[in-house]
Every structure is written in structure tokens, then in C-alpha cells.
Amino acid sequence: MKIIQSYWSKPAFHKNQDFSNNRKFGGWLSYKYFLYSLCFSCLTIKRHHKTLDLYTDDDGYDLFINKLKLPYDNVLVILNELNGEDHRLWVLGKLKAILLQDHPFIHVDNDVFLWDSLPDIAKLHLVTI
């Protein structure tokens, strides 16, 4: 089963943040805790799952790979395509990453920490009514 994460940097670092959006640093109170969350999420996923892919933009690549040196298996820099979009639509990065999937997958946010492995959804028998 494929596990993906996404990170579009524009909502977290846009210069015109307003109180109602509250997306600065991904909603964390400080940059330090924001970074802790990114690292801890990636590392707890990798503890239980063989591969983890990241969909991001240039700034996200610089942060996750060059600076934090997180052990993602595949990094796809495709979210630069969203640079012209409104920064308040923070979910666009997730939606873009999700729309690119063609096999069973789970999208795990960067503030989710895994204490155990996720079930293999490819082996689940889903029934529709």
C-alpha cells in the first residue's frame, strides 16, 4: 500500500496571513513545533512502513530534504503549479497529490504520528451498497 504526504508551502509562509486563516506554520504556535511535527510524522511513519512519498513544491523540498534531511523515498516537486492559487485554500496541495494517485493509497497529514502500522487497504474487501 502506498502512503503519501503532501506539503504546499504557500499557506504556511504567505506574507499576508490573517487571523481567520491561522495557517502560519501549519497552525502550530511556533516554527519550532511546526518542524518537530514534520519530522516526527515522517519518522513514525517510516518506522512502520517501508516507503513514504512526499508531494511538495520547491520550498517544501528545500525544507524537508535539504534542511531536515527526512528519509522520504520518492519526492515529487509538483505543487509549484499551485503558486497562483489563493493561499487560504490550503487543502489544494492535498487534493493535487490525491488526484495523482492511481493505486490504493493513504494520505497522512504532517501532524499525524503513527504508533503502529496502518492496515493494508489493498487487502480489504470493500462492499458498496
N, C-alpha and C. Protein backbone atom coordinates (compact mmCIF):
# COMPACT_ATOMS: atom_id res chain seq x y z
N MET A 1 0.84 -1.18 0.00
CA MET A 1 0.00 0.00 0.00
C MET A 1 0.89 1.24 0.00
N LYS A 2 0.48 2.22 -0.74
CA LYS A 2 1.23 3.45 -0.87
C LYS A 2 0.80 4.45 0.20
N ILE A 3 1.78 5.04 0.87
CA ILE A 3 1.49 6.09 1.84
C ILE A 3 2.12 7.37 1.32
N ILE A 4 1.32 8.43 1.31
CA ILE A 4 1.80 9.71 0.80
C ILE A 4 1.58 10.81 1.83
N GLN A 5 2.42 11.82 1.73
CA GLN A 5 2.22 13.07 2.45
C GLN A 5 2.36 14.18 1.42
N SER A 6 1.77 15.32 1.74
CA SER A 6 1.89 16.46 0.84
C SER A 6 2.20 17.70 1.68
N TYR A 7 2.87 18.64 1.02
CA TYR A 7 3.19 19.90 1.70
C TYR A 7 3.29 21.00 0.66
N TRP A 8 2.33 21.92 0.70
CA TRP A 8 2.34 23.11 -0.13
C TRP A 8 2.75 24.25 0.79
N SER A 9 3.88 24.86 0.54
CA SER A 9 4.45 25.84 1.47
C SER A 9 3.71 27.18 1.52
N LYS A 10 3.04 27.54 0.46
CA LYS A 10 2.43 28.88 0.39
C LYS A 10 1.47 29.17 1.55
N PRO A 11 0.57 28.27 1.94
CA PRO A 11 -0.33 28.60 3.06
C PRO A 11 0.40 28.81 4.39
N ALA A 12 1.50 28.12 4.60
CA ALA A 12 2.21 28.22 5.88
C ALA A 12 3.10 29.45 5.98
N PHE A 13 3.53 29.98 4.85
CA PHE A 13 4.51 31.07 4.89
C PHE A 13 4.11 32.30 4.09
N HIS A 14 2.86 32.37 3.67
CA HIS A 14 2.41 33.53 2.90
C HIS A 14 2.53 34.78 3.76
N LYS A 15 3.00 35.87 3.17
CA LYS A 15 3.25 37.10 3.93
C LYS A 15 1.98 37.78 4.43
N ASN A 16 0.85 37.52 3.81
CA ASN A 16 -0.40 38.17 4.19
C ASN A 16 -1.29 37.24 5.01
N GLN A 17 -0.76 36.69 6.08
CA GLN A 17 -1.55 35.82 6.95
C GLN A 17 -2.58 36.68 7.69
N ASP A 18 -3.77 36.16 7.85
CA ASP A 18 -4.74 36.86 8.68
C ASP A 18 -5.23 35.90 9.76
N PHE A 19 -5.84 36.45 10.79
CA PHE A 19 -6.23 35.64 11.94
C PHE A 19 -7.21 34.54 11.56
N SER A 20 -8.13 34.83 10.65
CA SER A 20 -9.15 33.83 10.32
C SER A 20 -8.55 32.62 9.60
N ASN A 21 -7.46 32.82 8.87
CA ASN A 21 -6.84 31.70 8.16
C ASN A 21 -6.04 30.84 9.13
N ASN A 22 -5.25 31.46 10.00
CA ASN A 22 -4.48 30.79 11.05
C ASN A 22 -3.69 29.59 10.52
N ARG A 23 -3.07 29.70 9.38
CA ARG A 23 -2.30 28.60 8.79
C ARG A 23 -0.80 28.82 8.93
N LYS A 24 -0.39 29.94 9.55
CA LYS A 24 1.03 30.18 9.71
C LYS A 24 1.67 29.00 10.41
N PHE A 25 2.75 28.51 9.87
CA PHE A 25 3.44 27.33 10.39
C PHE A 25 2.49 26.14 10.49
N GLY A 26 1.57 26.00 9.57
CA GLY A 26 0.65 24.87 9.58
C GLY A 26 -0.32 24.89 10.75
N GLY A 27 -0.50 26.04 11.39
CA GLY A 27 -1.38 26.16 12.54
C GLY A 27 -0.68 25.95 13.88
N TRP A 28 0.62 25.66 13.85
CA TRP A 28 1.38 25.48 15.10
C TRP A 28 1.71 26.84 15.70
N LEU A 29 1.88 26.89 17.02
CA LEU A 29 2.14 28.15 17.70
C LEU A 29 3.52 28.73 17.39
N SER A 30 4.46 27.88 17.08
CA SER A 30 5.79 28.39 16.74
C SER A 30 6.41 27.54 15.63
N TYR A 31 7.41 28.10 14.99
CA TYR A 31 8.11 27.42 13.92
C TYR A 31 8.79 26.15 14.43
N LYS A 32 9.30 26.19 15.63
CA LYS A 32 9.99 25.04 16.22
C LYS A 32 9.05 23.84 16.32
N TYR A 33 7.84 24.03 16.81
CA TYR A 33 6.89 22.92 16.94
C TYR A 33 6.40 22.43 15.58
N PHE A 34 6.30 23.36 14.65
CA PHE A 34 5.96 23.01 13.28
C PHE A 34 7.00 22.03 12.71
N LEU A 35 8.28 22.35 12.89
CA LEU A 35 9.35 21.48 12.41
C LEU A 35 9.36 20.14 13.13
N TYR A 36 9.15 20.15 14.45
CA TYR A 36 9.06 18.90 15.21
C TYR A 36 7.99 18.00 14.63
N SER A 37 6.84 18.58 14.32
CA SER A 37 5.73 17.80 13.80
C SER A 37 6.08 17.17 12.46
N LEU A 38 6.68 17.95 11.56
CA LEU A 38 7.07 17.42 10.26
C LEU A 38 7.99 16.22 10.41
N CYS A 39 8.99 16.37 11.26
CA CYS A 39 9.98 15.30 11.46
C CYS A 39 9.36 14.08 12.14
N PHE A 40 8.63 14.31 13.21
CA PHE A 40 8.08 13.19 13.97
C PHE A 40 7.06 12.41 13.14
N SER A 41 6.28 13.10 12.34
CA SER A 41 5.31 12.42 11.49
C SER A 41 6.02 11.51 10.49
N CYS A 42 6.98 12.06 9.77
CA CYS A 42 7.72 11.27 8.78
C CYS A 42 8.41 10.07 9.45
N LEU A 43 9.08 10.31 10.55
CA LEU A 43 9.86 9.24 11.18
C LEU A 43 9.00 8.15 11.80
N THR A 44 7.83 8.50 12.35
CA THR A 44 6.96 7.45 12.90
C THR A 44 6.31 6.64 11.79
N ILE A 45 6.03 7.26 10.67
CA ILE A 45 5.50 6.50 9.53
C ILE A 45 6.56 5.54 9.01
N LYS A 46 7.78 6.04 8.84
CA LYS A 46 8.87 5.21 8.31
C LYS A 46 9.23 4.07 9.27
N ARG A 47 8.95 4.22 10.53
CA ARG A 47 9.21 3.14 11.49
C ARG A 47 8.35 1.92 11.19
N HIS A 48 7.14 2.14 10.67
CA HIS A 48 6.18 1.06 10.46
C HIS A 48 5.94 0.71 8.99
N HIS A 49 6.37 1.55 8.08
CA HIS A 49 6.09 1.34 6.66
C HIS A 49 7.34 1.53 5.83
N LYS A 50 7.49 0.69 4.84
CA LYS A 50 8.70 0.64 4.03
C LYS A 50 8.91 1.91 3.22
N THR A 51 7.87 2.39 2.57
CA THR A 51 8.02 3.55 1.70
C THR A 51 7.05 4.67 2.08
N LEU A 52 7.50 5.87 1.83
CA LEU A 52 6.71 7.07 2.09
C LEU A 52 7.07 8.09 1.03
N ASP A 53 6.06 8.60 0.34
CA ASP A 53 6.27 9.57 -0.74
C ASP A 53 5.82 10.95 -0.29
N LEU A 54 6.49 11.96 -0.80
CA LEU A 54 6.16 13.35 -0.49
C LEU A 54 5.87 14.10 -1.78
N TYR A 55 4.76 14.82 -1.79
CA TYR A 55 4.38 15.71 -2.89
C TYR A 55 4.51 17.12 -2.35
N THR A 56 5.33 17.94 -2.99
CA THR A 56 5.62 19.25 -2.44
C THR A 56 5.98 20.25 -3.53
N ASP A 57 6.42 21.43 -3.12
CA ASP A 57 6.90 22.46 -4.03
C ASP A 57 8.39 22.69 -3.76
N ASP A 58 8.99 23.66 -4.44
CA ASP A 58 10.43 23.91 -4.28
C ASP A 58 10.80 24.24 -2.84
N ASP A 59 10.01 25.09 -2.18
CA ASP A 59 10.32 25.47 -0.80
C ASP A 59 10.16 24.27 0.14
N GLY A 60 9.17 23.44 -0.12
CA GLY A 60 8.99 22.23 0.68
C GLY A 60 10.15 21.27 0.50
N TYR A 61 10.62 21.13 -0.73
CA TYR A 61 11.78 20.26 -0.98
C TYR A 61 12.99 20.76 -0.21
N ASP A 62 13.21 22.05 -0.26
CA ASP A 62 14.35 22.62 0.45
C ASP A 62 14.25 22.35 1.95
N LEU A 63 13.05 22.53 2.52
CA LEU A 63 12.86 22.31 3.95
C LEU A 63 12.97 20.84 4.34
N PHE A 64 12.17 19.98 3.70
CA PHE A 64 12.09 18.57 4.09
C PHE A 64 13.36 17.78 3.74
N ILE A 65 13.92 18.05 2.58
CA ILE A 65 15.02 17.22 2.08
C ILE A 65 16.38 17.87 2.37
N ASN A 66 16.57 19.10 1.93
CA ASN A 66 17.87 19.74 2.10
C ASN A 66 18.18 20.12 3.54
N LYS A 67 17.21 20.68 4.24
CA LYS A 67 17.48 21.15 5.61
C LYS A 67 17.23 20.08 6.66
N LEU A 68 16.03 19.46 6.65
CA LEU A 68 15.70 18.47 7.68
C LEU A 68 16.23 17.08 7.36
N LYS A 69 16.56 16.85 6.09
CA LYS A 69 17.10 15.56 5.64
C LYS A 69 16.20 14.37 6.02
N LEU A 70 14.90 14.55 5.79
CA LEU A 70 13.94 13.50 6.13
C LEU A 70 14.01 12.37 5.10
N PRO A 71 13.80 11.13 5.54
CA PRO A 71 14.03 9.96 4.68
C PRO A 71 12.84 9.56 3.80
N TYR A 72 12.35 10.49 3.00
CA TYR A 72 11.29 10.15 2.05
C TYR A 72 11.89 9.31 0.93
N ASP A 73 11.10 8.38 0.42
CA ASP A 73 11.59 7.50 -0.65
C ASP A 73 11.45 8.14 -2.02
N ASN A 74 10.35 8.81 -2.25
CA ASN A 74 10.10 9.50 -3.51
C ASN A 74 9.59 10.89 -3.18
N VAL A 75 10.21 11.89 -3.80
CA VAL A 75 9.78 13.27 -3.60
C VAL A 75 9.40 13.83 -4.96
N LEU A 76 8.16 14.23 -5.10
CA LEU A 76 7.66 14.77 -6.35
C LEU A 76 7.39 16.26 -6.16
N VAL A 77 8.15 17.08 -6.84
CA VAL A 77 8.01 18.54 -6.73
C VAL A 77 7.01 18.98 -7.79
N ILE A 78 5.74 18.90 -7.44
CA ILE A 78 4.67 19.21 -8.41
C ILE A 78 3.74 20.31 -7.93
N LEU A 79 3.89 20.74 -6.68
CA LEU A 79 2.93 21.70 -6.14
C LEU A 79 3.28 23.15 -6.47
N ASN A 80 4.38 23.37 -7.20
CA ASN A 80 4.66 24.72 -7.70
C ASN A 80 3.54 25.18 -8.64
N GLU A 81 2.83 24.23 -9.21
CA GLU A 81 1.72 24.55 -10.11
C GLU A 81 0.61 25.33 -9.40
N LEU A 82 0.61 25.29 -8.08
CA LEU A 82 -0.43 25.97 -7.30
C LEU A 82 -0.04 27.39 -6.88
N ASN A 83 1.12 27.86 -7.28
CA ASN A 83 1.61 29.16 -6.81
C ASN A 83 0.67 30.31 -7.11
N GLY A 84 -0.12 30.23 -8.14
CA GLY A 84 -1.05 31.30 -8.48
C GLY A 84 -2.36 31.22 -7.71
N GLU A 85 -2.54 30.19 -6.91
CA GLU A 85 -3.79 29.99 -6.18
C GLU A 85 -3.78 30.75 -4.84
N ASP A 86 -4.96 30.99 -4.32
CA ASP A 86 -5.14 31.70 -3.05
C ASP A 86 -4.54 30.88 -1.90
N HIS A 87 -3.67 31.47 -1.11
CA HIS A 87 -3.00 30.76 -0.01
C HIS A 87 -3.97 30.26 1.06
N ARG A 88 -5.16 30.84 1.11
CA ARG A 88 -6.14 30.40 2.12
C ARG A 88 -6.76 29.05 1.77
N LEU A 89 -6.60 28.61 0.54
CA LEU A 89 -7.12 27.31 0.11
C LEU A 89 -6.06 26.24 0.34
N TRP A 90 -5.64 26.09 1.59
CA TRP A 90 -4.53 25.22 1.97
C TRP A 90 -4.74 23.77 1.57
N VAL A 91 -5.95 23.34 1.39
CA VAL A 91 -6.24 21.95 1.05
C VAL A 91 -5.88 21.61 -0.41
N LEU A 92 -5.62 22.61 -1.23
CA LEU A 92 -5.32 22.36 -2.65
C LEU A 92 -4.10 21.45 -2.84
N GLY A 93 -3.10 21.59 -2.01
CA GLY A 93 -1.92 20.73 -2.12
C GLY A 93 -2.26 19.27 -1.89
N LYS A 94 -3.10 19.01 -0.90
CA LYS A 94 -3.53 17.63 -0.63
C LYS A 94 -4.36 17.09 -1.79
N LEU A 95 -5.28 17.91 -2.27
CA LEU A 95 -6.14 17.47 -3.37
C LEU A 95 -5.33 17.16 -4.62
N LYS A 96 -4.35 17.99 -4.93
CA LYS A 96 -3.50 17.75 -6.11
C LYS A 96 -2.75 16.43 -5.96
N ALA A 97 -2.19 16.17 -4.78
CA ALA A 97 -1.47 14.91 -4.55
C ALA A 97 -2.41 13.72 -4.64
N ILE A 98 -3.59 13.85 -4.10
CA ILE A 98 -4.57 12.76 -4.12
C ILE A 98 -5.03 12.46 -5.55
N LEU A 99 -5.26 13.50 -6.33
CA LEU A 99 -5.73 13.30 -7.71
C LEU A 99 -4.70 12.60 -8.59
N LEU A 100 -3.45 12.62 -8.21
CA LEU A 100 -2.40 11.98 -9.00
C LEU A 100 -2.26 10.48 -8.73
N GLN A 101 -2.98 9.97 -7.75
CA GLN A 101 -2.84 8.56 -7.36
C GLN A 101 -3.65 7.65 -8.27
N ASP A 102 -3.06 6.51 -8.62
CA ASP A 102 -3.78 5.53 -9.44
C ASP A 102 -3.76 4.13 -8.83
N HIS A 103 -3.27 4.01 -7.61
CA HIS A 103 -3.26 2.75 -6.87
C HIS A 103 -3.76 3.03 -5.45
N PRO A 104 -4.15 2.00 -4.72
CA PRO A 104 -4.59 2.23 -3.34
C PRO A 104 -3.52 2.98 -2.54
N PHE A 105 -3.96 3.95 -1.76
CA PHE A 105 -3.03 4.79 -1.01
C PHE A 105 -3.74 5.36 0.22
N ILE A 106 -2.94 5.88 1.11
CA ILE A 106 -3.45 6.65 2.25
C ILE A 106 -2.65 7.93 2.30
N HIS A 107 -3.35 9.06 2.41
CA HIS A 107 -2.69 10.35 2.60
C HIS A 107 -2.65 10.59 4.09
N VAL A 108 -1.45 10.81 4.63
CA VAL A 108 -1.28 11.05 6.06
C VAL A 108 -0.77 12.48 6.23
N ASP A 109 -1.48 13.27 7.03
CA ASP A 109 -1.07 14.65 7.26
C ASP A 109 0.24 14.71 8.03
N ASN A 110 0.87 15.88 7.98
CA ASN A 110 2.17 16.08 8.62
C ASN A 110 2.07 16.29 10.13
N ASP A 111 0.88 16.24 10.67
CA ASP A 111 0.72 16.31 12.13
C ASP A 111 0.10 15.03 12.68
N VAL A 112 0.26 13.95 11.93
CA VAL A 112 -0.20 12.62 12.36
C VAL A 112 1.03 11.78 12.70
N PHE A 113 1.00 11.15 13.87
CA PHE A 113 2.11 10.33 14.34
C PHE A 113 1.60 8.91 14.52
N LEU A 114 2.30 7.94 13.96
CA LEU A 114 1.84 6.55 14.00
C LEU A 114 2.55 5.76 15.09
N TRP A 115 1.77 5.14 15.94
CA TRP A 115 2.31 4.28 17.00
C TRP A 115 2.31 2.82 16.56
N ASP A 116 1.59 2.53 15.47
CA ASP A 116 1.51 1.18 14.92
C ASP A 116 1.33 1.32 13.42
N SER A 117 1.42 0.21 12.70
CA SER A 117 1.26 0.28 11.25
C SER A 117 -0.20 0.47 10.87
N LEU A 118 -0.40 1.05 9.71
CA LEU A 118 -1.75 1.22 9.16
C LEU A 118 -2.19 -0.08 8.51
N PRO A 119 -3.49 -0.35 8.47
CA PRO A 119 -3.96 -1.56 7.77
C PRO A 119 -3.70 -1.44 6.28
N ASP A 120 -3.46 -2.55 5.63
CA ASP A 120 -3.23 -2.56 4.19
C ASP A 120 -4.58 -2.50 3.49
N ILE A 121 -4.94 -1.31 3.01
CA ILE A 121 -6.26 -1.14 2.41
C ILE A 121 -6.41 -1.93 1.11
N ALA A 122 -5.30 -2.28 0.48
CA ALA A 122 -5.38 -3.06 -0.76
C ALA A 122 -5.92 -4.46 -0.49
N LYS A 123 -5.81 -4.92 0.75
CA LYS A 123 -6.28 -6.27 1.09
C LYS A 123 -7.69 -6.27 1.68
N LEU A 124 -8.24 -5.09 1.93
CA LEU A 124 -9.60 -5.00 2.47
C LEU A 124 -10.63 -5.32 1.39
N HIS A 125 -11.67 -5.99 1.78
CA HIS A 125 -12.77 -6.27 0.86
C HIS A 125 -13.85 -5.23 1.11
N LEU A 126 -13.94 -4.29 0.21
CA LEU A 126 -14.91 -3.20 0.38
C LEU A 126 -16.22 -3.59 -0.29
N VAL A 127 -17.30 -3.30 0.39
CA VAL A 127 -18.64 -3.59 -0.13
C VAL A 127 -19.36 -2.27 -0.33
N THR A 128 -19.93 -2.07 -1.49
CA THR A 128 -20.70 -0.86 -1.74
C THR A 128 -22.17 -1.24 -1.82
N ILE A 129 -22.99 -0.34 -1.39
CA ILE A 129 -24.44 -0.58 -1.40
C ILE A 129 -25.10 0.39 -2.35
